[in-house]
């Protein structure tokens, strides 16, 4: 860490996307997204339903493989190092997805267990 708690100047960005693209058949969900988010920055995706926000986040979490382009999270490629990325990122969707019947706590506990956290660490 350098002065005032900021990351060193040579640290990789927290997130870097270059030409990131995701298609589902003929539907283009994310179209050649270029974006750099530096460590320590707070960033949000805003837009209407269907604009690619969730698809982008899922690619950054290593849950969806990009159709084209590249995305890096803290220096790790989301397409080839998804397991490492998932140990370095936290994500809780607005909707609980497959587990609508679980509480927030139960969903967090479930996903912590999926990621190998148990007992006090979980």
N, C-alpha and C. Protein backbone atom coordinates (compact mmCIF):
# COMPACT_ATOMS: atom_id res chain seq x y z
N UNK A 1 0.84 -1.18 0.00
CA UNK A 1 0.00 0.00 0.00
C UNK A 1 0.88 1.24 0.00
N UNK A 2 0.45 2.21 -0.73
CA UNK A 2 1.17 3.47 -0.73
C UNK A 2 0.49 4.43 0.23
N UNK A 3 0.92 5.65 0.21
CA UNK A 3 0.38 6.66 1.11
C UNK A 3 -1.15 6.72 1.04
N UNK A 4 -1.79 6.92 2.18
CA UNK A 4 -3.24 7.07 2.32
C UNK A 4 -4.01 5.80 1.99
N UNK A 5 -3.34 4.64 2.01
CA UNK A 5 -4.05 3.38 1.83
C UNK A 5 -4.40 3.04 0.40
N UNK A 6 -3.90 3.79 -0.57
CA UNK A 6 -4.19 3.48 -1.96
C UNK A 6 -3.25 2.39 -2.45
N UNK A 7 -3.67 1.62 -3.48
CA UNK A 7 -2.83 0.53 -3.96
C UNK A 7 -1.59 1.09 -4.65
N UNK A 8 -0.53 0.29 -4.76
CA UNK A 8 0.66 0.73 -5.46
C UNK A 8 0.34 1.09 -6.90
N UNK A 9 1.12 2.00 -7.46
CA UNK A 9 0.88 2.47 -8.83
C UNK A 9 0.94 1.34 -9.85
N UNK A 10 1.73 0.29 -9.57
CA UNK A 10 1.86 -0.81 -10.53
C UNK A 10 0.83 -1.92 -10.32
N UNK A 11 -0.11 -1.75 -9.41
CA UNK A 11 -1.14 -2.77 -9.15
C UNK A 11 -2.08 -2.87 -10.34
N UNK A 12 -2.49 -4.10 -10.64
CA UNK A 12 -3.46 -4.31 -11.72
C UNK A 12 -4.78 -3.66 -11.34
N UNK A 13 -5.54 -3.19 -12.34
CA UNK A 13 -6.87 -2.66 -12.02
C UNK A 13 -7.73 -3.73 -11.33
N UNK A 14 -8.72 -3.29 -10.58
CA UNK A 14 -9.64 -4.24 -9.97
C UNK A 14 -10.39 -5.00 -11.06
N UNK A 15 -10.84 -4.28 -12.07
CA UNK A 15 -11.58 -4.86 -13.19
C UNK A 15 -11.10 -4.22 -14.48
N UNK A 16 -10.89 -5.04 -15.49
CA UNK A 16 -10.53 -4.53 -16.81
C UNK A 16 -11.26 -5.35 -17.86
N UNK A 17 -12.00 -4.67 -18.72
CA UNK A 17 -12.71 -5.34 -19.81
C UNK A 17 -12.28 -4.71 -21.13
N UNK A 18 -11.95 -5.55 -22.09
CA UNK A 18 -11.53 -5.07 -23.41
C UNK A 18 -12.33 -5.82 -24.46
N UNK A 19 -13.18 -5.10 -25.18
CA UNK A 19 -13.97 -5.72 -26.24
C UNK A 19 -14.88 -6.83 -25.75
N UNK A 20 -15.31 -6.76 -24.50
CA UNK A 20 -16.12 -7.84 -23.91
C UNK A 20 -17.46 -7.93 -24.63
N UNK A 21 -17.79 -9.15 -25.03
CA UNK A 21 -19.02 -9.38 -25.79
C UNK A 21 -19.64 -10.69 -25.34
N UNK A 22 -20.97 -10.70 -25.27
CA UNK A 22 -21.69 -11.94 -24.97
C UNK A 22 -22.93 -11.98 -25.82
N UNK A 23 -23.07 -13.08 -26.54
CA UNK A 23 -24.26 -13.29 -27.35
C UNK A 23 -24.93 -14.59 -26.90
N UNK A 24 -26.23 -14.62 -27.08
CA UNK A 24 -27.02 -15.83 -26.86
C UNK A 24 -27.74 -16.07 -28.18
N UNK A 25 -27.17 -16.92 -29.02
CA UNK A 25 -27.72 -17.09 -30.37
C UNK A 25 -27.55 -15.79 -31.13
N UNK A 26 -28.66 -15.25 -31.61
CA UNK A 26 -28.60 -13.99 -32.37
C UNK A 26 -28.76 -12.75 -31.48
N UNK A 27 -29.02 -12.96 -30.20
CA UNK A 27 -29.21 -11.84 -29.27
C UNK A 27 -27.85 -11.40 -28.73
N UNK A 28 -27.56 -10.11 -28.88
CA UNK A 28 -26.34 -9.53 -28.34
C UNK A 28 -26.67 -8.91 -26.99
N UNK A 29 -26.14 -9.50 -25.93
CA UNK A 29 -26.43 -9.02 -24.57
C UNK A 29 -25.43 -7.96 -24.13
N UNK A 30 -24.16 -8.14 -24.48
CA UNK A 30 -23.10 -7.18 -24.17
C UNK A 30 -22.30 -7.03 -25.45
N UNK A 31 -22.07 -5.78 -25.87
CA UNK A 31 -21.48 -5.53 -27.19
C UNK A 31 -20.18 -4.74 -27.10
N UNK A 32 -19.07 -5.44 -27.08
CA UNK A 32 -17.73 -4.85 -27.12
C UNK A 32 -17.52 -3.79 -26.04
N UNK A 33 -17.66 -4.19 -24.80
CA UNK A 33 -17.53 -3.30 -23.65
C UNK A 33 -16.05 -3.12 -23.29
N UNK A 34 -15.61 -1.88 -23.23
CA UNK A 34 -14.27 -1.51 -22.77
C UNK A 34 -14.44 -0.72 -21.48
N UNK A 35 -13.80 -1.16 -20.40
CA UNK A 35 -13.96 -0.48 -19.12
C UNK A 35 -12.82 -0.86 -18.19
N UNK A 36 -12.29 0.13 -17.47
CA UNK A 36 -11.30 -0.12 -16.44
C UNK A 36 -11.83 0.47 -15.14
N UNK A 37 -11.84 -0.34 -14.09
CA UNK A 37 -12.21 0.11 -12.75
C UNK A 37 -10.98 -0.12 -11.88
N UNK A 38 -10.41 0.96 -11.39
CA UNK A 38 -9.20 0.86 -10.58
C UNK A 38 -9.53 0.44 -9.16
N UNK A 39 -8.54 -0.13 -8.49
CA UNK A 39 -8.71 -0.54 -7.10
C UNK A 39 -9.09 0.68 -6.27
N UNK A 40 -10.03 0.49 -5.36
CA UNK A 40 -10.47 1.57 -4.50
C UNK A 40 -11.61 2.38 -5.06
N UNK A 41 -11.94 2.22 -6.33
CA UNK A 41 -13.06 2.95 -6.93
C UNK A 41 -14.36 2.21 -6.64
N UNK A 42 -15.43 2.96 -6.55
CA UNK A 42 -16.77 2.39 -6.42
C UNK A 42 -17.46 2.62 -7.75
N UNK A 43 -18.06 1.57 -8.30
CA UNK A 43 -18.64 1.65 -9.64
C UNK A 43 -19.96 0.92 -9.64
N UNK A 44 -20.93 1.44 -10.36
CA UNK A 44 -22.23 0.78 -10.47
C UNK A 44 -22.67 0.71 -11.91
N UNK A 45 -23.43 -0.32 -12.24
CA UNK A 45 -24.04 -0.45 -13.56
C UNK A 45 -25.48 0.00 -13.45
N UNK A 46 -25.87 0.97 -14.23
CA UNK A 46 -27.24 1.46 -14.28
C UNK A 46 -27.76 1.33 -15.69
N UNK A 47 -29.02 0.98 -15.82
CA UNK A 47 -29.63 0.87 -17.13
C UNK A 47 -30.93 0.12 -17.06
N UNK A 48 -31.67 0.16 -18.15
CA UNK A 48 -32.97 -0.52 -18.17
C UNK A 48 -32.81 -2.04 -18.22
N UNK A 49 -33.89 -2.74 -17.92
CA UNK A 49 -33.89 -4.19 -18.06
C UNK A 49 -33.44 -4.57 -19.46
N UNK A 50 -32.62 -5.60 -19.55
CA UNK A 50 -32.18 -6.09 -20.85
C UNK A 50 -30.98 -5.35 -21.42
N UNK A 51 -30.36 -4.46 -20.64
CA UNK A 51 -29.24 -3.69 -21.18
C UNK A 51 -27.88 -4.36 -20.98
N UNK A 52 -27.85 -5.53 -20.34
CA UNK A 52 -26.60 -6.28 -20.21
C UNK A 52 -25.91 -6.18 -18.87
N UNK A 53 -26.53 -5.53 -17.89
CA UNK A 53 -25.89 -5.36 -16.57
C UNK A 53 -25.62 -6.71 -15.91
N UNK A 54 -26.63 -7.53 -15.77
CA UNK A 54 -26.48 -8.81 -15.09
C UNK A 54 -25.56 -9.74 -15.88
N UNK A 55 -25.66 -9.74 -17.18
CA UNK A 55 -24.78 -10.56 -18.01
C UNK A 55 -23.33 -10.16 -17.81
N UNK A 56 -23.06 -8.87 -17.75
CA UNK A 56 -21.69 -8.40 -17.52
C UNK A 56 -21.19 -8.86 -16.16
N UNK A 57 -21.99 -8.69 -15.13
CA UNK A 57 -21.60 -9.12 -13.78
C UNK A 57 -21.35 -10.63 -13.76
N UNK A 58 -22.20 -11.40 -14.38
CA UNK A 58 -22.02 -12.85 -14.40
C UNK A 58 -20.73 -13.25 -15.12
N UNK A 59 -20.38 -12.52 -16.17
CA UNK A 59 -19.09 -12.79 -16.82
C UNK A 59 -17.94 -12.43 -15.88
N UNK A 60 -18.04 -11.30 -15.18
CA UNK A 60 -16.98 -10.90 -14.26
C UNK A 60 -16.82 -11.88 -13.11
N UNK A 61 -17.88 -12.56 -12.74
CA UNK A 61 -17.82 -13.56 -11.67
C UNK A 61 -17.35 -14.92 -12.18
N UNK A 62 -17.16 -15.04 -13.47
CA UNK A 62 -16.75 -16.33 -14.04
C UNK A 62 -17.89 -17.31 -14.18
N UNK A 63 -19.11 -16.83 -14.10
CA UNK A 63 -20.29 -17.70 -14.23
C UNK A 63 -20.72 -17.89 -15.67
N UNK A 64 -20.39 -16.93 -16.53
CA UNK A 64 -20.65 -17.00 -17.97
C UNK A 64 -19.35 -16.73 -18.70
N UNK A 65 -19.08 -17.49 -19.73
CA UNK A 65 -17.87 -17.27 -20.51
C UNK A 65 -18.17 -16.24 -21.61
N UNK A 66 -17.32 -15.22 -21.76
CA UNK A 66 -17.54 -14.24 -22.82
C UNK A 66 -17.50 -14.89 -24.20
N UNK A 67 -18.29 -14.35 -25.12
CA UNK A 67 -18.26 -14.80 -26.50
C UNK A 67 -17.01 -14.28 -27.19
N UNK A 68 -16.62 -13.06 -26.83
CA UNK A 68 -15.42 -12.43 -27.40
C UNK A 68 -14.87 -11.43 -26.40
N UNK A 69 -13.67 -10.98 -26.65
CA UNK A 69 -13.03 -10.01 -25.78
C UNK A 69 -12.44 -10.67 -24.56
N UNK A 70 -12.06 -9.83 -23.60
CA UNK A 70 -11.40 -10.35 -22.42
C UNK A 70 -11.79 -9.52 -21.22
N UNK A 71 -11.87 -10.18 -20.08
CA UNK A 71 -12.14 -9.50 -18.81
C UNK A 71 -11.20 -10.04 -17.76
N UNK A 72 -10.64 -9.12 -16.99
CA UNK A 72 -9.73 -9.48 -15.92
C UNK A 72 -10.28 -8.91 -14.61
N UNK A 73 -10.20 -9.71 -13.55
CA UNK A 73 -10.58 -9.27 -12.22
C UNK A 73 -9.34 -9.46 -11.34
N UNK A 74 -8.87 -8.38 -10.75
CA UNK A 74 -7.62 -8.34 -9.97
C UNK A 74 -6.51 -9.16 -10.63
N UNK A 75 -6.36 -8.97 -11.94
CA UNK A 75 -5.28 -9.60 -12.68
C UNK A 75 -5.53 -11.01 -13.15
N UNK A 76 -6.73 -11.54 -12.95
CA UNK A 76 -7.05 -12.91 -13.35
C UNK A 76 -8.10 -12.91 -14.45
N UNK A 77 -7.87 -13.71 -15.48
CA UNK A 77 -8.78 -13.79 -16.62
C UNK A 77 -10.03 -14.56 -16.23
N UNK A 78 -11.20 -13.94 -16.44
CA UNK A 78 -12.45 -14.58 -16.02
C UNK A 78 -12.78 -15.83 -16.83
N UNK A 79 -12.26 -15.92 -18.05
CA UNK A 79 -12.57 -17.09 -18.88
C UNK A 79 -11.68 -18.28 -18.56
N UNK A 80 -10.42 -18.03 -18.21
CA UNK A 80 -9.49 -19.13 -17.99
C UNK A 80 -9.14 -19.35 -16.53
N UNK A 81 -9.46 -18.39 -15.66
CA UNK A 81 -9.14 -18.50 -14.24
C UNK A 81 -10.38 -18.23 -13.37
N UNK A 82 -11.51 -18.75 -13.83
CA UNK A 82 -12.78 -18.47 -13.14
C UNK A 82 -12.76 -18.90 -11.68
N UNK A 83 -12.14 -20.02 -11.37
CA UNK A 83 -12.10 -20.49 -9.98
C UNK A 83 -11.33 -19.51 -9.09
N UNK A 84 -10.23 -18.99 -9.59
CA UNK A 84 -9.46 -18.00 -8.83
C UNK A 84 -10.26 -16.72 -8.67
N UNK A 85 -10.90 -16.28 -9.75
CA UNK A 85 -11.71 -15.06 -9.70
C UNK A 85 -12.78 -15.18 -8.63
N UNK A 86 -13.44 -16.34 -8.58
CA UNK A 86 -14.53 -16.52 -7.61
C UNK A 86 -14.04 -16.46 -6.17
N UNK A 87 -12.77 -16.72 -5.93
CA UNK A 87 -12.25 -16.59 -4.56
C UNK A 87 -11.92 -15.15 -4.23
N UNK A 88 -11.92 -14.27 -5.23
CA UNK A 88 -11.53 -12.88 -5.03
C UNK A 88 -12.67 -11.89 -5.17
N UNK A 89 -13.87 -12.38 -5.44
CA UNK A 89 -15.00 -11.50 -5.73
C UNK A 89 -16.21 -11.93 -4.92
N UNK A 90 -17.03 -10.98 -4.54
CA UNK A 90 -18.28 -11.28 -3.86
C UNK A 90 -19.44 -10.77 -4.70
N UNK A 91 -20.51 -11.51 -4.74
CA UNK A 91 -21.66 -11.13 -5.56
C UNK A 91 -22.93 -11.67 -4.94
N UNK A 92 -23.90 -10.81 -4.76
CA UNK A 92 -25.22 -11.24 -4.31
C UNK A 92 -26.22 -10.53 -5.21
N UNK A 93 -26.95 -11.28 -5.97
CA UNK A 93 -27.88 -10.68 -6.92
C UNK A 93 -29.09 -10.09 -6.20
N UNK A 94 -29.76 -9.19 -6.90
CA UNK A 94 -30.96 -8.58 -6.35
C UNK A 94 -32.02 -9.64 -6.11
N UNK A 95 -32.12 -10.57 -7.04
CA UNK A 95 -33.02 -11.70 -6.87
C UNK A 95 -32.22 -12.89 -6.41
N UNK A 96 -32.86 -13.80 -5.71
CA UNK A 96 -32.16 -14.96 -5.20
C UNK A 96 -32.05 -16.07 -6.23
N UNK A 97 -32.53 -15.84 -7.44
CA UNK A 97 -32.38 -16.81 -8.50
C UNK A 97 -33.12 -18.10 -8.23
N UNK A 98 -32.38 -19.17 -8.14
CA UNK A 98 -32.98 -20.49 -8.00
C UNK A 98 -33.57 -20.74 -6.63
N UNK A 99 -33.23 -19.89 -5.64
CA UNK A 99 -33.59 -20.18 -4.27
C UNK A 99 -34.49 -19.11 -3.66
N UNK A 100 -35.61 -18.86 -4.30
CA UNK A 100 -36.56 -17.86 -3.82
C UNK A 100 -37.12 -18.18 -2.44
N UNK A 101 -37.13 -19.46 -2.09
CA UNK A 101 -37.71 -19.85 -0.82
C UNK A 101 -36.73 -19.70 0.36
N UNK A 102 -35.46 -19.35 0.09
CA UNK A 102 -34.49 -19.16 1.16
C UNK A 102 -34.43 -17.70 1.60
N UNK A 103 -34.10 -17.49 2.86
CA UNK A 103 -33.90 -16.14 3.36
C UNK A 103 -32.54 -15.63 2.87
N UNK A 104 -32.26 -14.35 3.07
CA UNK A 104 -30.96 -13.79 2.70
C UNK A 104 -29.86 -14.56 3.41
N UNK A 105 -30.01 -14.78 4.72
CA UNK A 105 -29.02 -15.51 5.50
C UNK A 105 -28.80 -16.91 4.92
N UNK A 106 -29.89 -17.60 4.60
CA UNK A 106 -29.77 -18.96 4.08
C UNK A 106 -29.06 -18.98 2.73
N UNK A 107 -29.35 -17.98 1.89
CA UNK A 107 -28.67 -17.88 0.60
C UNK A 107 -27.18 -17.62 0.80
N UNK A 108 -26.82 -16.71 1.71
CA UNK A 108 -25.41 -16.41 1.97
C UNK A 108 -24.70 -17.65 2.52
N UNK A 109 -25.35 -18.35 3.44
CA UNK A 109 -24.76 -19.56 4.01
C UNK A 109 -24.56 -20.61 2.93
N UNK A 110 -25.56 -20.79 2.07
CA UNK A 110 -25.47 -21.76 0.98
C UNK A 110 -24.29 -21.44 0.07
N UNK A 111 -24.21 -20.18 -0.41
CA UNK A 111 -23.14 -19.82 -1.33
C UNK A 111 -21.77 -19.87 -0.66
N UNK A 112 -21.68 -19.52 0.61
CA UNK A 112 -20.41 -19.64 1.32
C UNK A 112 -19.95 -21.08 1.33
N UNK A 113 -20.88 -21.99 1.57
CA UNK A 113 -20.55 -23.42 1.58
C UNK A 113 -20.11 -23.88 0.19
N UNK A 114 -20.80 -23.42 -0.85
CA UNK A 114 -20.43 -23.78 -2.22
C UNK A 114 -18.99 -23.35 -2.51
N UNK A 115 -18.59 -22.20 -1.97
CA UNK A 115 -17.24 -21.69 -2.20
C UNK A 115 -16.23 -22.24 -1.19
N UNK A 116 -16.60 -23.26 -0.46
CA UNK A 116 -15.67 -23.95 0.39
C UNK A 116 -15.46 -23.37 1.77
N UNK A 117 -16.33 -22.46 2.20
CA UNK A 117 -16.22 -21.89 3.53
C UNK A 117 -17.09 -22.68 4.49
N UNK A 118 -16.53 -23.04 5.65
CA UNK A 118 -17.26 -23.83 6.61
C UNK A 118 -17.06 -23.27 8.01
N UNK A 119 -17.96 -23.62 8.91
CA UNK A 119 -17.83 -23.25 10.32
C UNK A 119 -17.67 -21.75 10.53
N UNK A 120 -16.75 -21.39 11.39
CA UNK A 120 -16.52 -19.99 11.75
C UNK A 120 -16.12 -19.13 10.54
N UNK A 121 -15.32 -19.71 9.63
CA UNK A 121 -14.92 -18.97 8.43
C UNK A 121 -16.13 -18.59 7.58
N UNK A 122 -17.10 -19.52 7.49
CA UNK A 122 -18.32 -19.25 6.71
C UNK A 122 -19.08 -18.12 7.38
